[in-house]
Amino acid sequence: MNVYNDEASIGLAQSSTSYSASTGRLPGGLLWSDTAAEAGRKLGAPTTTGLAPGGSEADWTGVEGQYDIHVYFFHDALHNIIISRSSNTAP
């Protein structure tokens, strides 16, 4: 699993829930510079969406047939992403 959560970049103190940035390739052709609209064009319609403080959240399942992705967009820029092995695929 790759996790990115840089609370300091939005002015919050680093906490125990902070993780370092992923340096690997993001699934679905995502780039850290993507906006919410660009992520939607690359991954299709999200499974779920919602509002979050200062931005929005979206989930996609089965990306590349094997990943579930949760993204938080802060001021329309991809900010936090959680990538996990999809529960719908064999290990």
C-alpha atoms as a PDB file:
ATOM      1  CA  MET A   1       0.000   0.000   0.000  1.00  0.00           C
ATOM      2  CA  ASN A   2       1.236   3.482  -0.824  1.00  0.00           C
ATOM      3  CA  VAL A   3      -0.017   6.299   1.388  1.00  0.00           C
ATOM      4  CA  TYR A   4       0.567  10.021   1.133  1.00  0.00           C
ATOM      5  CA  ASN A   5      -0.480  12.453   3.830  1.00  0.00           C
ATOM      6  CA  ASP A   6       1.540  15.623   4.234  1.00  0.00           C
ATOM      7  CA  GLU A   7      -0.333  17.658   6.821  1.00  0.00           C
ATOM      8  CA  ALA A   8       2.471  20.245   7.017  1.00  0.00           C
ATOM      9  CA  SER A   9       1.828  21.288   3.406  1.00  0.00           C
ATOM     10  CA  ILE A  10      -1.626  22.577   4.393  1.00  0.00           C
ATOM     11  CA  GLY A  11      -0.423  24.273   7.571  1.00  0.00           C
ATOM     12  CA  LEU A  12      -1.233  21.526  10.087  1.00  0.00           C
ATOM     13  CA  ALA A  13       1.170  20.001  12.577  1.00  0.00           C
ATOM     14  CA  GLN A  14       2.548  16.605  11.620  1.00  0.00           C
ATOM     15  CA  SER A  15       0.813  13.871  13.592  1.00  0.00           C
ATOM     16  CA  SER A  16       1.073  10.145  14.110  1.00  0.00           C
ATOM     17  CA  THR A  17      -1.239   9.691  11.106  1.00  0.00           C
ATOM     18  CA  SER A  18       1.231  11.375   8.750  1.00  0.00           C
ATOM     19  CA  TYR A  19       3.029   9.261   6.181  1.00  0.00           C
ATOM     20  CA  SER A  20       5.785   9.971   3.709  1.00  0.00           C
ATOM     21  CA  ALA A  21       5.089  10.563   0.046  1.00  0.00           C
ATOM     22  CA  SER A  22       5.004   7.633  -2.326  1.00  0.00           C
ATOM     23  CA  THR A  23       7.801   7.753  -4.842  1.00  0.00           C
ATOM     24  CA  GLY A  24       6.423   4.963  -7.008  1.00  0.00           C
ATOM     25  CA  ARG A  25       4.111   5.068 -10.016  1.00  0.00           C
ATOM     26  CA  LEU A  26       0.504   5.852  -9.157  1.00  0.00           C
ATOM     27  CA  PRO A  27      -2.119   3.519 -10.684  1.00  0.00           C
ATOM     28  CA  GLY A  28      -4.430   4.597 -13.471  1.00  0.00           C
ATOM     29  CA  GLY A  29      -1.951   7.105 -14.845  1.00  0.00           C
ATOM     30  CA  LEU A  30      -2.549   9.502 -11.927  1.00  0.00           C
ATOM     31  CA  LEU A  31      -0.017  12.239 -11.340  1.00  0.00           C
ATOM     32  CA  TRP A  32       0.461  14.272  -8.159  1.00  0.00           C
ATOM     33  CA  SER A  33      -0.255  17.364 -10.280  1.00  0.00           C
ATOM     34  CA  ASP A  34      -3.743  16.125 -11.349  1.00  0.00           C
ATOM     35  CA  THR A  35      -6.892  18.071 -10.566  1.00  0.00           C
ATOM     36  CA  ALA A  36     -10.165  16.354  -9.669  1.00  0.00           C
ATOM     37  CA  ALA A  37     -11.342  16.699 -13.287  1.00  0.00           C
ATOM     38  CA  GLU A  38      -8.131  15.142 -14.636  1.00  0.00           C
ATOM     39  CA  ALA A  39      -8.414  12.224 -12.216  1.00  0.00           C
ATOM     40  CA  GLY A  40     -12.001  11.689 -13.377  1.00  0.00           C
ATOM     41  CA  ARG A  41     -10.924  11.636 -17.032  1.00  0.00           C
ATOM     42  CA  LYS A  42      -8.223   9.065 -16.270  1.00  0.00           C
ATOM     43  CA  LEU A  43     -10.174   6.806 -13.888  1.00  0.00           C
ATOM     44  CA  GLY A  44     -13.773   7.316 -14.996  1.00  0.00           C
ATOM     45  CA  ALA A  45     -16.669   8.106 -12.701  1.00  0.00           C
ATOM     46  CA  PRO A  46     -15.787   7.611  -9.033  1.00  0.00           C
ATOM     47  CA  THR A  47     -17.590   4.961  -6.995  1.00  0.00           C
ATOM     48  CA  THR A  48     -18.318   7.519  -4.254  1.00  0.00           C
ATOM     49  CA  THR A  49     -17.688  11.233  -3.748  1.00  0.00           C
ATOM     50  CA  GLY A  50     -18.034  13.658  -0.885  1.00  0.00           C
ATOM     51  CA  LEU A  51     -17.060  17.033   0.471  1.00  0.00           C
ATOM     52  CA  ALA A  52     -14.144  17.479   2.854  1.00  0.00           C
ATOM     53  CA  PRO A  53     -12.692  20.545   4.615  1.00  0.00           C
ATOM     54  CA  GLY A  54     -11.137  22.724   1.909  1.00  0.00           C
ATOM     55  CA  GLY A  55     -11.840  20.226  -0.830  1.00  0.00           C
ATOM     56  CA  SER A  56     -13.469  16.981  -1.846  1.00  0.00           C
ATOM     57  CA  GLU A  57     -12.947  13.225  -1.651  1.00  0.00           C
ATOM     58  CA  ALA A  58     -13.474  10.484  -4.196  1.00  0.00           C
ATOM     59  CA  ASP A  59     -13.123   6.694  -4.311  1.00  0.00           C
ATOM     60  CA  TRP A  60     -12.476   4.404  -7.251  1.00  0.00           C
ATOM     61  CA  THR A  61     -12.531   0.601  -7.078  1.00  0.00           C
ATOM     62  CA  GLY A  62     -10.866  -1.939  -9.327  1.00  0.00           C
ATOM     63  CA  VAL A  63      -8.413   0.497 -10.941  1.00  0.00           C
ATOM     64  CA  GLU A  64      -6.190  -1.472 -13.325  1.00  0.00           C
ATOM     65  CA  GLY A  65      -8.212  -4.475 -12.175  1.00  0.00           C
ATOM     66  CA  GLN A  66      -6.474  -4.597  -8.801  1.00  0.00           C
ATOM     67  CA  TYR A  67      -6.448  -1.327  -6.819  1.00  0.00           C
ATOM     68  CA  ASP A  68      -8.921   0.618  -4.705  1.00  0.00           C
ATOM     69  CA  ILE A  69      -8.064   4.307  -4.519  1.00  0.00           C
ATOM     70  CA  HIS A  70      -9.236   7.006  -2.105  1.00  0.00           C
ATOM     71  CA  VAL A  71      -8.226  10.552  -3.023  1.00  0.00           C
ATOM     72  CA  TYR A  72      -8.558  13.839  -1.140  1.00  0.00           C
ATOM     73  CA  PHE A  73      -8.389  16.940  -3.325  1.00  0.00           C
ATOM     74  CA  PHE A  74      -7.356  20.140  -1.500  1.00  0.00           C
ATOM     75  CA  HIS A  75      -8.302  23.265  -3.473  1.00  0.00           C
ATOM     76  CA  ASP A  76      -8.853  20.967  -6.495  1.00  0.00           C
ATOM     77  CA  ALA A  77      -5.333  19.522  -6.426  1.00  0.00           C
ATOM     78  CA  LEU A  78      -4.604  15.859  -5.664  1.00  0.00           C
ATOM     79  CA  HIS A  79      -3.301  15.990  -2.114  1.00  0.00           C
ATOM     80  CA  ASN A  80      -3.729  12.710  -0.218  1.00  0.00           C
ATOM     81  CA  ILE A  81      -4.115   9.299  -1.768  1.00  0.00           C
ATOM     82  CA  ILE A  82      -4.563   5.852  -0.278  1.00  0.00           C
ATOM     83  CA  ILE A  83      -3.990   2.920  -2.604  1.00  0.00           C
ATOM     84  CA  SER A  84      -4.843  -0.592  -1.496  1.00  0.00           C
ATOM     85  CA  ARG A  85      -5.175  -3.965  -3.142  1.00  0.00           C
ATOM     86  CA  SER A  86      -8.767  -4.327  -4.269  1.00  0.00           C
ATOM     87  CA  SER A  87     -10.887  -6.704  -2.225  1.00  0.00           C
ATOM     88  CA  ASN A  88     -12.470  -7.826  -5.511  1.00  0.00           C
ATOM     89  CA  THR A  89      -9.282  -9.476  -6.839  1.00  0.00           C
ATOM     90  CA  ALA A  90      -7.367 -12.591  -5.915  1.00  0.00           C
ATOM     91  CA  PRO A  91      -4.096 -12.059  -3.979  1.00  0.00           C
END
